[in-house]
Amino acid sequence: MSSRDAAARAMDVPSPAAAPGGGSRGSGIPGLLGDELAVLFLRLRTWMMLGALGLVPVLLGVAVRIAGGTRAGRGPAFLDQITDNGVFVGLAALTIAIPLFLPLTISVVAGDTIAGEAGLGTLRYLLVAPSGRAALLAVKYVAAAVFCVIATFTVVAVGVIVGAILFGAGPLTLLSGTQVSLADGLVRCLAVIAYVSVSMLGLAAIGVLLSTLTTVPVGAMAATAILAVAAQIVGQIPQLSAVHPYLFTDRWLDFGDLLRSPISWDSFVGNALLQGAWIVGAGALALWRFSTRDVLT
């Protein structure tokens, strides 16, 4: 893909290569994926969303630095440990971002995958590629999944850096009371990033599914974000406890086992299986819808 193509799609304007006779962008699935990632991360909107996520730990760290710490058990998880070790700024910021800010940005990216192309009129030209509709749908989802990882990493990485500057960084005291080295603590932060990234994959799949149902990307984005909030609300209603284990949001905050000694991977595996079920279900529906959809009108 030329820089002209990438810039055109970054501004949400159909590129010259996305015109009749212009041919498909990229060559095969790797080419399609490379094009999709380039387009996603050339968009100003993408960097603005990542910047907004990065502001969460910055504001949190500055607020704690100015106002001082808080008593144990008050506020988000890890908040009371920030003044002792700046690494916890990243973890505390993540617990703040997970319920709303992180799902919102992922909803925007996932909801735009197919509906955005359809709204611009470029979807029909993307289908000129010999890879087929299933491959295109998979590429769109993988790009959204990559954003899930980068968005989660942004929150934690910025938090750790800001926390180290404001409060210093050193050996971490885990939830089990065991103290580990800073290096071990940072590895556990990476494990938490992996956990939360996996948590968001189900939401990304739902967003892609909803994106196949409309040519209005804003509608798919909003519907995905609303579903994320609604699922969390349902998860807080005791009378609906029977459905809680099946909600894609049910295990979003259960990464505490990764901060114990020894590490228990049960929650990670359970979360992965839950998200995998949602990915398969939403993916199958999205493929059925996309395969039967008339994109020529």
C-alpha atoms as a PDB file:
ATOM      1  CA  MET A   1       0.000   0.000   0.000  1.00  0.00           C
ATOM      2  CA  SER A   2       1.392   3.390  -0.961  1.00  0.00           C
ATOM      3  CA  SER A   3       1.654   6.266   1.465  1.00  0.00           C
ATOM      4  CA  ARG A   4      -0.980   8.011  -0.612  1.00  0.00           C
ATOM      5  CA  ASP A   5      -3.367   5.084  -0.091  1.00  0.00           C
ATOM      6  CA  ALA A   6      -2.695   5.009   3.635  1.00  0.00           C
ATOM      7  CA  ALA A   7      -3.141   8.742   4.018  1.00  0.00           C
ATOM      8  CA  ALA A   8      -6.380   8.673   2.080  1.00  0.00           C
ATOM      9  CA  ARG A   9      -7.894   5.942   4.217  1.00  0.00           C
ATOM     10  CA  ALA A  10      -6.505   7.570   7.352  1.00  0.00           C
ATOM     11  CA  MET A  11      -8.617  10.612   6.529  1.00  0.00           C
ATOM     12  CA  ASP A  12     -11.572   8.287   5.810  1.00  0.00           C
ATOM     13  CA  VAL A  13     -11.432   9.179   2.131  1.00  0.00           C
ATOM     14  CA  PRO A  14     -11.497   6.420  -0.495  1.00  0.00           C
ATOM     15  CA  SER A  15      -8.004   6.013  -1.913  1.00  0.00           C
ATOM     16  CA  PRO A  16      -7.107   5.762  -5.602  1.00  0.00           C
ATOM     17  CA  ALA A  17      -6.423   2.039  -5.187  1.00  0.00           C
ATOM     18  CA  ALA A  18      -9.913   1.584  -3.779  1.00  0.00           C
ATOM     19  CA  ALA A  19     -11.591   2.590  -7.004  1.00  0.00           C
ATOM     20  CA  PRO A  20     -12.980   0.514  -9.852  1.00  0.00           C
ATOM     21  CA  GLY A  21     -10.082  -0.943 -11.772  1.00  0.00           C
ATOM     22  CA  GLY A  22      -7.636   0.146  -9.087  1.00  0.00           C
ATOM     23  CA  GLY A  23      -7.095  -3.391  -7.810  1.00  0.00           C
ATOM     24  CA  SER A  24      -7.054  -4.655  -4.268  1.00  0.00           C
ATOM     25  CA  ARG A  25      -4.769  -3.339  -1.585  1.00  0.00           C
ATOM     26  CA  GLY A  26      -2.133  -5.672  -0.316  1.00  0.00           C
ATOM     27  CA  SER A  27      -1.312  -9.153  -1.568  1.00  0.00           C
ATOM     28  CA  GLY A  28      -3.024 -12.052   0.162  1.00  0.00           C
ATOM     29  CA  ILE A  29      -3.884 -12.172   3.836  1.00  0.00           C
ATOM     30  CA  PRO A  30      -0.515 -10.818   5.075  1.00  0.00           C
ATOM     31  CA  GLY A  31      -0.840  -7.878   2.716  1.00  0.00           C
ATOM     32  CA  LEU A  32      -4.410  -7.201   3.776  1.00  0.00           C
ATOM     33  CA  LEU A  33      -3.433  -7.339   7.439  1.00  0.00           C
ATOM     34  CA  GLY A  34      -0.449  -5.056   6.896  1.00  0.00           C
ATOM     35  CA  ASP A  35      -2.664  -2.567   5.074  1.00  0.00           C
ATOM     36  CA  GLU A  36      -5.316  -2.705   7.792  1.00  0.00           C
ATOM     37  CA  LEU A  37      -2.824  -2.128  10.604  1.00  0.00           C
ATOM     38  CA  ALA A  38      -1.192   0.705   8.685  1.00  0.00           C
ATOM     39  CA  VAL A  39      -4.535   2.363   8.103  1.00  0.00           C
ATOM     40  CA  LEU A  40      -5.604   1.917  11.733  1.00  0.00           C
ATOM     41  CA  PHE A  41      -2.439   3.416  13.166  1.00  0.00           C
ATOM     42  CA  LEU A  42      -2.190   6.223  10.619  1.00  0.00           C
ATOM     43  CA  ARG A  43      -5.510   7.582  11.775  1.00  0.00           C
ATOM     44  CA  LEU A  44      -5.364  10.580  14.055  1.00  0.00           C
ATOM     45  CA  ARG A  45      -8.420   9.200  15.849  1.00  0.00           C
ATOM     46  CA  THR A  46      -6.503   6.088  16.897  1.00  0.00           C
ATOM     47  CA  TRP A  47      -3.681   8.103  18.453  1.00  0.00           C
ATOM     48  CA  MET A  48      -6.124  10.437  20.140  1.00  0.00           C
ATOM     49  CA  MET A  49      -7.831   7.458  21.783  1.00  0.00           C
ATOM     50  CA  LEU A  50      -4.492   6.022  22.901  1.00  0.00           C
ATOM     51  CA  GLY A  51      -3.554   9.459  24.206  1.00  0.00           C
ATOM     52  CA  ALA A  52      -6.793   9.663  26.159  1.00  0.00           C
ATOM     53  CA  LEU A  53      -6.106   6.248  27.698  1.00  0.00           C
ATOM     54  CA  GLY A  54      -2.604   7.414  28.590  1.00  0.00           C
ATOM     55  CA  LEU A  55      -4.074  10.376  30.427  1.00  0.00           C
ATOM     56  CA  VAL A  56      -5.852   8.075  32.889  1.00  0.00           C
ATOM     57  CA  PRO A  57      -2.671   7.006  34.744  1.00  0.00           C
ATOM     58  CA  VAL A  58      -1.172  10.494  34.406  1.00  0.00           C
ATOM     59  CA  LEU A  59      -4.161  12.119  36.090  1.00  0.00           C
ATOM     60  CA  LEU A  60      -4.304   9.375  38.693  1.00  0.00           C
ATOM     61  CA  GLY A  61      -0.628   9.676  39.562  1.00  0.00           C
ATOM     62  CA  VAL A  62      -0.700  13.474  39.755  1.00  0.00           C
ATOM     63  CA  ALA A  63      -3.862  13.417  41.876  1.00  0.00           C
ATOM     64  CA  VAL A  64      -2.348  10.984  44.382  1.00  0.00           C
ATOM     65  CA  ARG A  65       0.883  12.952  44.445  1.00  0.00           C
ATOM     66  CA  ILE A  66      -0.969  16.175  45.247  1.00  0.00           C
ATOM     67  CA  ALA A  67      -3.640  14.814  47.573  1.00  0.00           C
ATOM     68  CA  GLY A  68      -1.640  12.014  49.142  1.00  0.00           C
ATOM     69  CA  GLY A  69      -2.492   8.351  49.510  1.00  0.00           C
ATOM     70  CA  THR A  70      -5.704   6.786  50.690  1.00  0.00           C
ATOM     71  CA  ARG A  71      -6.605   4.251  53.328  1.00  0.00           C
ATOM     72  CA  ALA A  72      -6.589   0.564  52.446  1.00  0.00           C
ATOM     73  CA  GLY A  73      -9.865  -0.665  51.018  1.00  0.00           C
ATOM     74  CA  ARG A  74     -10.974   2.732  49.741  1.00  0.00           C
ATOM     75  CA  GLY A  75     -11.088   3.572  46.049  1.00  0.00           C
ATOM     76  CA  PRO A  76      -9.992   1.370  43.144  1.00  0.00           C
ATOM     77  CA  ALA A  77      -7.785  -1.664  43.673  1.00  0.00           C
ATOM     78  CA  PHE A  78      -4.089  -0.873  44.270  1.00  0.00           C
ATOM     79  CA  LEU A  79      -4.802   2.819  44.951  1.00  0.00           C
ATOM     80  CA  ASP A  80      -3.573   2.599  48.529  1.00  0.00           C
ATOM     81  CA  GLN A  81      -0.259   1.093  47.371  1.00  0.00           C
ATOM     82  CA  ILE A  82       0.700   3.786  44.878  1.00  0.00           C
ATOM     83  CA  THR A  83       2.675   5.965  47.303  1.00  0.00           C
ATOM     84  CA  ASP A  84       4.779   2.950  48.332  1.00  0.00           C
ATOM     85  CA  ASN A  85       5.579   1.868  44.785  1.00  0.00           C
ATOM     86  CA  GLY A  86       4.911   3.773  41.564  1.00  0.00           C
ATOM     87  CA  VAL A  87       4.414   0.567  39.578  1.00  0.00           C
ATOM     88  CA  PHE A  88       0.954   0.319  41.116  1.00  0.00           C
ATOM     89  CA  VAL A  89      -0.107   3.479  39.253  1.00  0.00           C
ATOM     90  CA  GLY A  90      -0.316   1.369  36.103  1.00  0.00           C
ATOM     91  CA  LEU A  91      -2.364  -1.353  37.777  1.00  0.00           C
ATOM     92  CA  ALA A  92      -4.687   1.082  39.540  1.00  0.00           C
ATOM     93  CA  ALA A  93      -5.202   3.016  36.294  1.00  0.00           C
ATOM     94  CA  LEU A  94      -6.086  -0.224  34.552  1.00  0.00           C
ATOM     95  CA  THR A  95      -8.808  -1.028  37.075  1.00  0.00           C
ATOM     96  CA  ILE A  96     -10.216   2.442  36.431  1.00  0.00           C
ATOM     97  CA  ALA A  97     -10.024   2.125  32.638  1.00  0.00           C
ATOM     98  CA  ILE A  98     -11.502  -1.373  32.324  1.00  0.00           C
ATOM     99  CA  PRO A  99     -15.166  -0.614  33.114  1.00  0.00           C
ATOM    100  CA  LEU A 100     -15.593   2.241  30.596  1.00  0.00           C
ATOM    101  CA  PHE A 101     -12.602   3.918  28.952  1.00  0.00           C
ATOM    102  CA  LEU A 102     -10.927   0.811  27.537  1.00  0.00           C
ATOM    103  CA  PRO A 103     -14.164  -0.772  26.211  1.00  0.00           C
ATOM    104  CA  LEU A 104     -15.171   2.560  24.690  1.00  0.00           C
ATOM    105  CA  THR A 105     -12.029   2.863  22.578  1.00  0.00           C
ATOM    106  CA  ILE A 106     -12.239  -0.781  21.518  1.00  0.00           C
ATOM    107  CA  SER A 107     -15.901  -0.281  20.579  1.00  0.00           C
ATOM    108  CA  VAL A 108     -14.892   2.551  18.273  1.00  0.00           C
ATOM    109  CA  VAL A 109     -12.246   0.474  16.509  1.00  0.00           C
ATOM    110  CA  ALA A 110     -14.266  -2.750  16.261  1.00  0.00           C
ATOM    111  CA  GLY A 111     -17.506  -1.011  15.311  1.00  0.00           C
ATOM    112  CA  ASP A 112     -15.779   0.746  12.419  1.00  0.00           C
ATOM    113  CA  THR A 113     -14.210  -2.374  10.879  1.00  0.00           C
ATOM    114  CA  ILE A 114     -16.874  -3.264   8.299  1.00  0.00           C
ATOM    115  CA  ALA A 115     -19.442  -0.496   8.695  1.00  0.00           C
ATOM    116  CA  GLY A 116     -16.765   2.159   8.135  1.00  0.00           C
ATOM    117  CA  GLU A 117     -15.759   0.637   4.800  1.00  0.00           C
ATOM    118  CA  ALA A 118     -19.391   0.205   3.796  1.00  0.00           C
ATOM    119  CA  GLY A 119     -20.210   3.786   4.723  1.00  0.00           C
ATOM    120  CA  LEU A 120     -17.307   5.092   2.632  1.00  0.00           C
ATOM    121  CA  GLY A 121     -18.189   2.849  -0.301  1.00  0.00           C
ATOM    122  CA  THR A 122     -14.800   1.104  -0.237  1.00  0.00           C
ATOM    123  CA  LEU A 123     -16.001  -2.289   1.011  1.00  0.00           C
ATOM    124  CA  ARG A 124     -16.951  -3.548  -2.430  1.00  0.00           C
ATOM    125  CA  TYR A 125     -13.451  -2.796  -3.720  1.00  0.00           C
ATOM    126  CA  LEU A 126     -11.795  -4.570  -0.811  1.00  0.00           C
ATOM    127  CA  LEU A 127     -13.719  -7.670  -1.833  1.00  0.00           C
ATOM    128  CA  VAL A 128     -11.915  -7.663  -5.165  1.00  0.00           C
ATOM    129  CA  ALA A 129      -9.049  -9.313  -3.275  1.00  0.00           C
ATOM    130  CA  PRO A 130      -8.936 -13.066  -4.033  1.00  0.00           C
ATOM    131  CA  SER A 131      -8.672 -13.916  -0.328  1.00  0.00           C
ATOM    132  CA  GLY A 132     -12.456 -13.723   0.061  1.00  0.00           C
ATOM    133  CA  ARG A 133     -14.878 -12.399   2.614  1.00  0.00           C
ATOM    134  CA  ALA A 134     -13.904 -14.744   5.446  1.00  0.00           C
ATOM    135  CA  ALA A 135     -10.271 -13.659   5.177  1.00  0.00           C
ATOM    136  CA  LEU A 136     -11.220  -9.985   5.090  1.00  0.00           C
ATOM    137  CA  LEU A 137     -13.405 -10.401   8.159  1.00  0.00           C
ATOM    138  CA  ALA A 138     -10.587 -12.230   9.967  1.00  0.00           C
ATOM    139  CA  VAL A 139      -8.112  -9.492   9.068  1.00  0.00           C
ATOM    140  CA  LYS A 140     -10.464  -6.825  10.387  1.00  0.00           C
ATOM    141  CA  TYR A 141     -10.851  -8.712  13.653  1.00  0.00           C
ATOM    142  CA  VAL A 142      -7.127  -9.323  14.069  1.00  0.00           C
ATOM    143  CA  ALA A 143      -6.481  -5.603  13.600  1.00  0.00           C
ATOM    144  CA  ALA A 144      -9.038  -4.831  16.299  1.00  0.00           C
ATOM    145  CA  ALA A 145      -7.377  -7.453  18.540  1.00  0.00           C
ATOM    146  CA  VAL A 146      -3.985  -5.794  18.028  1.00  0.00           C
ATOM    147  CA  PHE A 147      -5.523  -2.523  19.145  1.00  0.00           C
ATOM    148  CA  CYS A 148      -6.819  -4.267  22.297  1.00  0.00           C
ATOM    149  CA  VAL A 149      -3.261  -5.243  23.196  1.00  0.00           C
ATOM    150  CA  ILE A 150      -1.745  -1.843  22.423  1.00  0.00           C
ATOM    151  CA  ALA A 151      -4.492   0.049  24.261  1.00  0.00           C
ATOM    152  CA  THR A 152      -4.058  -2.097  27.382  1.00  0.00           C
ATOM    153  CA  PHE A 153      -0.277  -1.825  27.199  1.00  0.00           C
ATOM    154  CA  THR A 154      -0.549   1.963  26.897  1.00  0.00           C
ATOM    155  CA  VAL A 155      -2.456   2.308  30.170  1.00  0.00           C
ATOM    156  CA  VAL A 156      -0.067   0.128  32.155  1.00  0.00           C
ATOM    157  CA  ALA A 157       3.158   1.332  30.538  1.00  0.00           C
ATOM    158  CA  VAL A 158       2.342   5.008  30.958  1.00  0.00           C
ATOM    159  CA  GLY A 159       1.225   4.310  34.525  1.00  0.00           C
ATOM    160  CA  VAL A 160       4.450   2.516  35.437  1.00  0.00           C
ATOM    161  CA  ILE A 161       6.585   5.297  33.933  1.00  0.00           C
ATOM    162  CA  VAL A 162       4.611   8.098  35.566  1.00  0.00           C
ATOM    163  CA  GLY A 163       4.496   6.212  38.861  1.00  0.00           C
ATOM    164  CA  ALA A 164       8.251   5.621  38.831  1.00  0.00           C
ATOM    165  CA  ILE A 165       8.853   9.327  38.250  1.00  0.00           C
ATOM    166  CA  LEU A 166       6.446  10.496  40.946  1.00  0.00           C
ATOM    167  CA  PHE A 167       6.868   7.805  43.605  1.00  0.00           C
ATOM    168  CA  GLY A 168       9.855   5.714  42.613  1.00  0.00           C
ATOM    169  CA  ALA A 169       9.862   2.021  41.805  1.00  0.00           C
ATOM    170  CA  GLY A 170      11.288  -0.965  43.607  1.00  0.00           C
ATOM    171  CA  PRO A 171      10.422  -4.455  44.830  1.00  0.00           C
ATOM    172  CA  LEU A 172       6.671  -5.143  44.763  1.00  0.00           C
ATOM    173  CA  THR A 173       4.616  -6.472  47.640  1.00  0.00           C
ATOM    174  CA  LEU A 174       2.105  -8.873  46.089  1.00  0.00           C
ATOM    175  CA  LEU A 175      -1.482  -9.423  47.181  1.00  0.00           C
ATOM    176  CA  SER A 176      -0.329 -12.527  49.052  1.00  0.00           C
ATOM    177  CA  GLY A 177       2.113 -10.415  51.074  1.00  0.00           C
ATOM    178  CA  THR A 178       5.210 -11.790  49.365  1.00  0.00           C
ATOM    179  CA  GLN A 179       7.771  -9.290  48.131  1.00  0.00           C
ATOM    180  CA  VAL A 180       9.295  -9.829  44.676  1.00  0.00           C
ATOM    181  CA  SER A 181      11.945  -7.966  42.730  1.00  0.00           C
ATOM    182  CA  LEU A 182      11.096  -5.071  40.437  1.00  0.00           C
ATOM    183  CA  ALA A 183      11.920  -7.218  37.406  1.00  0.00           C
ATOM    184  CA  ASP A 184       9.544  -9.946  38.607  1.00  0.00           C
ATOM    185  CA  GLY A 185       6.907  -7.312  39.268  1.00  0.00           C
ATOM    186  CA  LEU A 186       7.203  -5.920  35.750  1.00  0.00           C
ATOM    187  CA  VAL A 187       6.854  -9.422  34.305  1.00  0.00           C
ATOM    188  CA  ARG A 188       3.651  -9.806  36.304  1.00  0.00           C
ATOM    189  CA  CYS A 189       2.467  -6.475  34.865  1.00  0.00           C
ATOM    190  CA  LEU A 190       2.984  -7.958  31.400  1.00  0.00           C
ATOM    191  CA  ALA A 191       0.901 -10.962  32.467  1.00  0.00           C
ATOM    192  CA  VAL A 192      -1.848  -8.588  33.608  1.00  0.00           C
ATOM    193  CA  ILE A 193      -1.681  -6.809  30.247  1.00  0.00           C
ATOM    194  CA  ALA A 194      -2.101 -10.183  28.528  1.00  0.00           C
ATOM    195  CA  TYR A 195      -5.050 -11.030  30.796  1.00  0.00           C
ATOM    196  CA  VAL A 196      -6.891  -7.775  30.135  1.00  0.00           C
ATOM    197  CA  SER A 197      -6.119  -7.907  26.412  1.00  0.00           C
ATOM    198  CA  VAL A 198      -7.721 -11.353  26.265  1.00  0.00           C
ATOM    199  CA  SER A 199     -10.665  -9.958  28.248  1.00  0.00           C
ATOM    200  CA  MET A 200     -11.316  -7.391  25.515  1.00  0.00           C
ATOM    201  CA  LEU A 201     -11.222  -9.884  22.631  1.00  0.00           C
ATOM    202  CA  GLY A 202     -14.825 -10.968  23.182  1.00  0.00           C
ATOM    203  CA  LEU A 203     -15.974  -7.356  23.051  1.00  0.00           C
ATOM    204  CA  ALA A 204     -13.969  -6.809  19.861  1.00  0.00           C
ATOM    205  CA  ALA A 205     -15.706  -9.807  18.258  1.00  0.00           C
ATOM    206  CA  ILE A 206     -19.105  -8.414  19.225  1.00  0.00           C
ATOM    207  CA  GLY A 207     -18.118  -5.058  17.743  1.00  0.00           C
ATOM    208  CA  VAL A 208     -17.133  -6.665  14.442  1.00  0.00           C
ATOM    209  CA  LEU A 209     -20.420  -8.583  14.377  1.00  0.00           C
ATOM    210  CA  LEU A 210     -22.432  -5.418  14.915  1.00  0.00           C
ATOM    211  CA  SER A 211     -20.327  -3.704  12.269  1.00  0.00           C
ATOM    212  CA  THR A 212     -21.546  -6.221   9.681  1.00  0.00           C
ATOM    213  CA  LEU A 213     -25.157  -5.308  10.428  1.00  0.00           C
ATOM    214  CA  THR A 214     -25.058  -1.663   9.373  1.00  0.00           C
ATOM    215  CA  THR A 215     -23.434   0.844   7.058  1.00  0.00           C
ATOM    216  CA  VAL A 216     -23.412   3.466   9.821  1.00  0.00           C
ATOM    217  CA  PRO A 217     -20.214   3.010  11.846  1.00  0.00           C
ATOM    218  CA  VAL A 218     -21.335   5.306  14.660  1.00  0.00           C
ATOM    219  CA  GLY A 219     -24.306   3.035  15.252  1.00  0.00           C
ATOM    220  CA  ALA A 220     -22.116  -0.058  15.542  1.00  0.00           C
ATOM    221  CA  MET A 221     -19.673   1.770  17.827  1.00  0.00           C
ATOM    222  CA  ALA A 222     -22.429   3.000  20.120  1.00  0.00           C
ATOM    223  CA  ALA A 223     -24.197  -0.356  20.234  1.00  0.00           C
ATOM    224  CA  THR A 224     -20.966  -2.143  21.164  1.00  0.00           C
ATOM    225  CA  ALA A 225     -20.179   0.320  23.947  1.00  0.00           C
ATOM    226  CA  ILE A 226     -23.733   0.149  25.280  1.00  0.00           C
ATOM    227  CA  LEU A 227     -23.599  -3.658  25.357  1.00  0.00           C
ATOM    228  CA  ALA A 228     -20.354  -3.507  27.351  1.00  0.00           C
ATOM    229  CA  VAL A 229     -21.932  -1.204  29.927  1.00  0.00           C
ATOM    230  CA  ALA A 230     -25.199  -3.165  30.005  1.00  0.00           C
ATOM    231  CA  ALA A 231     -23.370  -6.471  30.574  1.00  0.00           C
ATOM    232  CA  GLN A 232     -21.505  -4.977  33.524  1.00  0.00           C
ATOM    233  CA  ILE A 233     -24.769  -3.676  34.997  1.00  0.00           C
ATOM    234  CA  VAL A 234     -26.352  -7.114  34.643  1.00  0.00           C
ATOM    235  CA  GLY A 235     -23.274  -8.543  36.349  1.00  0.00           C
ATOM    236  CA  GLN A 236     -24.005  -6.404  39.418  1.00  0.00           C
ATOM    237  CA  ILE A 237     -27.620  -7.581  39.850  1.00  0.00           C
ATOM    238  CA  PRO A 238     -27.764 -10.479  42.347  1.00  0.00           C
ATOM    239  CA  GLN A 239     -31.118 -11.692  41.042  1.00  0.00           C
ATOM    240  CA  LEU A 240     -29.457 -12.423  37.688  1.00  0.00           C
ATOM    241  CA  SER A 241     -26.549 -14.366  39.145  1.00  0.00           C
ATOM    242  CA  ALA A 242     -27.424 -17.405  37.012  1.00  0.00           C
ATOM    243  CA  VAL A 243     -26.319 -15.599  33.857  1.00  0.00           C
ATOM    244  CA  HIS A 244     -23.239 -13.895  35.336  1.00  0.00           C
ATOM    245  CA  PRO A 245     -20.744 -16.661  34.396  1.00  0.00           C
ATOM    246  CA  TYR A 246     -21.774 -16.354  30.737  1.00  0.00           C
ATOM    247  CA  LEU A 247     -21.322 -12.584  30.429  1.00  0.00           C
ATOM    248  CA  PHE A 248     -18.255 -11.565  28.437  1.00  0.00           C
ATOM    249  CA  THR A 249     -17.556  -8.977  31.145  1.00  0.00           C
ATOM    250  CA  ASP A 250     -17.744 -11.420  34.059  1.00  0.00           C
ATOM    251  CA  ARG A 251     -13.983 -11.962  34.491  1.00  0.00           C
ATOM    252  CA  TRP A 252     -12.668  -8.598  33.327  1.00  0.00           C
ATOM    253  CA  LEU A 253     -11.248  -7.653  36.734  1.00  0.00           C
ATOM    254  CA  ASP A 254     -10.191 -11.103  37.949  1.00  0.00           C
ATOM    255  CA  PHE A 255      -6.480 -10.694  37.284  1.00  0.00           C
ATOM    256  CA  GLY A 256      -5.537 -10.582  40.973  1.00  0.00           C
ATOM    257  CA  ASP A 257      -4.320 -14.201  40.889  1.00  0.00           C
ATOM    258  CA  LEU A 258      -1.427 -13.047  38.704  1.00  0.00           C
ATOM    259  CA  LEU A 259      -0.257 -10.843  41.571  1.00  0.00           C
ATOM    260  CA  ARG A 260       0.016 -13.624  44.133  1.00  0.00           C
ATOM    261  CA  SER A 261       2.796 -16.029  44.991  1.00  0.00           C
ATOM    262  CA  PRO A 262       2.685 -18.567  43.556  1.00  0.00           C
ATOM    263  CA  ILE A 263       0.785 -17.427  40.487  1.00  0.00           C
ATOM    264  CA  SER A 264      -2.531 -19.163  39.879  1.00  0.00           C
ATOM    265  CA  TRP A 265      -3.447 -19.386  36.194  1.00  0.00           C
ATOM    266  CA  ASP A 266      -6.977 -20.676  36.788  1.00  0.00           C
ATOM    267  CA  SER A 267      -8.613 -17.275  36.294  1.00  0.00           C
ATOM    268  CA  PHE A 268      -6.542 -16.629  33.169  1.00  0.00           C
ATOM    269  CA  VAL A 269      -7.575 -19.939  31.618  1.00  0.00           C
ATOM    270  CA  GLY A 270     -11.213 -19.472  32.631  1.00  0.00           C
ATOM    271  CA  ASN A 271     -11.250 -15.987  31.141  1.00  0.00           C
ATOM    272  CA  ALA A 272      -9.630 -17.207  27.924  1.00  0.00           C
ATOM    273  CA  LEU A 273     -12.241 -19.944  27.555  1.00  0.00           C
ATOM    274  CA  LEU A 274     -15.067 -17.475  28.190  1.00  0.00           C
ATOM    275  CA  GLN A 275     -13.764 -14.975  25.652  1.00  0.00           C
ATOM    276  CA  GLY A 276     -13.062 -17.788  23.201  1.00  0.00           C
ATOM    277  CA  ALA A 277     -16.703 -18.859  23.367  1.00  0.00           C
ATOM    278  CA  TRP A 278     -17.843 -15.308  22.627  1.00  0.00           C
ATOM    279  CA  ILE A 279     -15.331 -14.981  19.793  1.00  0.00           C
ATOM    280  CA  VAL A 280     -16.538 -18.204  18.186  1.00  0.00           C
ATOM    281  CA  GLY A 281     -20.210 -17.306  18.607  1.00  0.00           C
ATOM    282  CA  ALA A 282     -19.954 -13.704  17.458  1.00  0.00           C
ATOM    283  CA  GLY A 283     -17.486 -14.665  14.734  1.00  0.00           C
ATOM    284  CA  ALA A 284     -19.779 -17.319  13.316  1.00  0.00           C
ATOM    285  CA  LEU A 285     -22.711 -14.902  13.204  1.00  0.00           C
ATOM    286  CA  ALA A 286     -20.541 -12.192  11.672  1.00  0.00           C
ATOM    287  CA  LEU A 287     -19.279 -14.579   8.992  1.00  0.00           C
ATOM    288  CA  TRP A 288     -22.807 -15.731   8.188  1.00  0.00           C
ATOM    289  CA  ARG A 289     -24.038 -12.162   7.930  1.00  0.00           C
ATOM    290  CA  PHE A 290     -21.039 -10.941   5.935  1.00  0.00           C
ATOM    291  CA  SER A 291     -21.134 -13.914   3.569  1.00  0.00           C
ATOM    292  CA  THR A 292     -24.787 -13.307   2.705  1.00  0.00           C
ATOM    293  CA  ARG A 293     -24.618  -9.532   2.621  1.00  0.00           C
ATOM    294  CA  ASP A 294     -25.083  -7.675  -0.642  1.00  0.00           C
ATOM    295  CA  VAL A 295     -22.393  -5.014  -0.667  1.00  0.00           C
ATOM    296  CA  LEU A 296     -23.019  -3.893  -4.215  1.00  0.00           C
ATOM    297  CA  THR A 297     -26.042  -1.757  -3.448  1.00  0.00           C
END
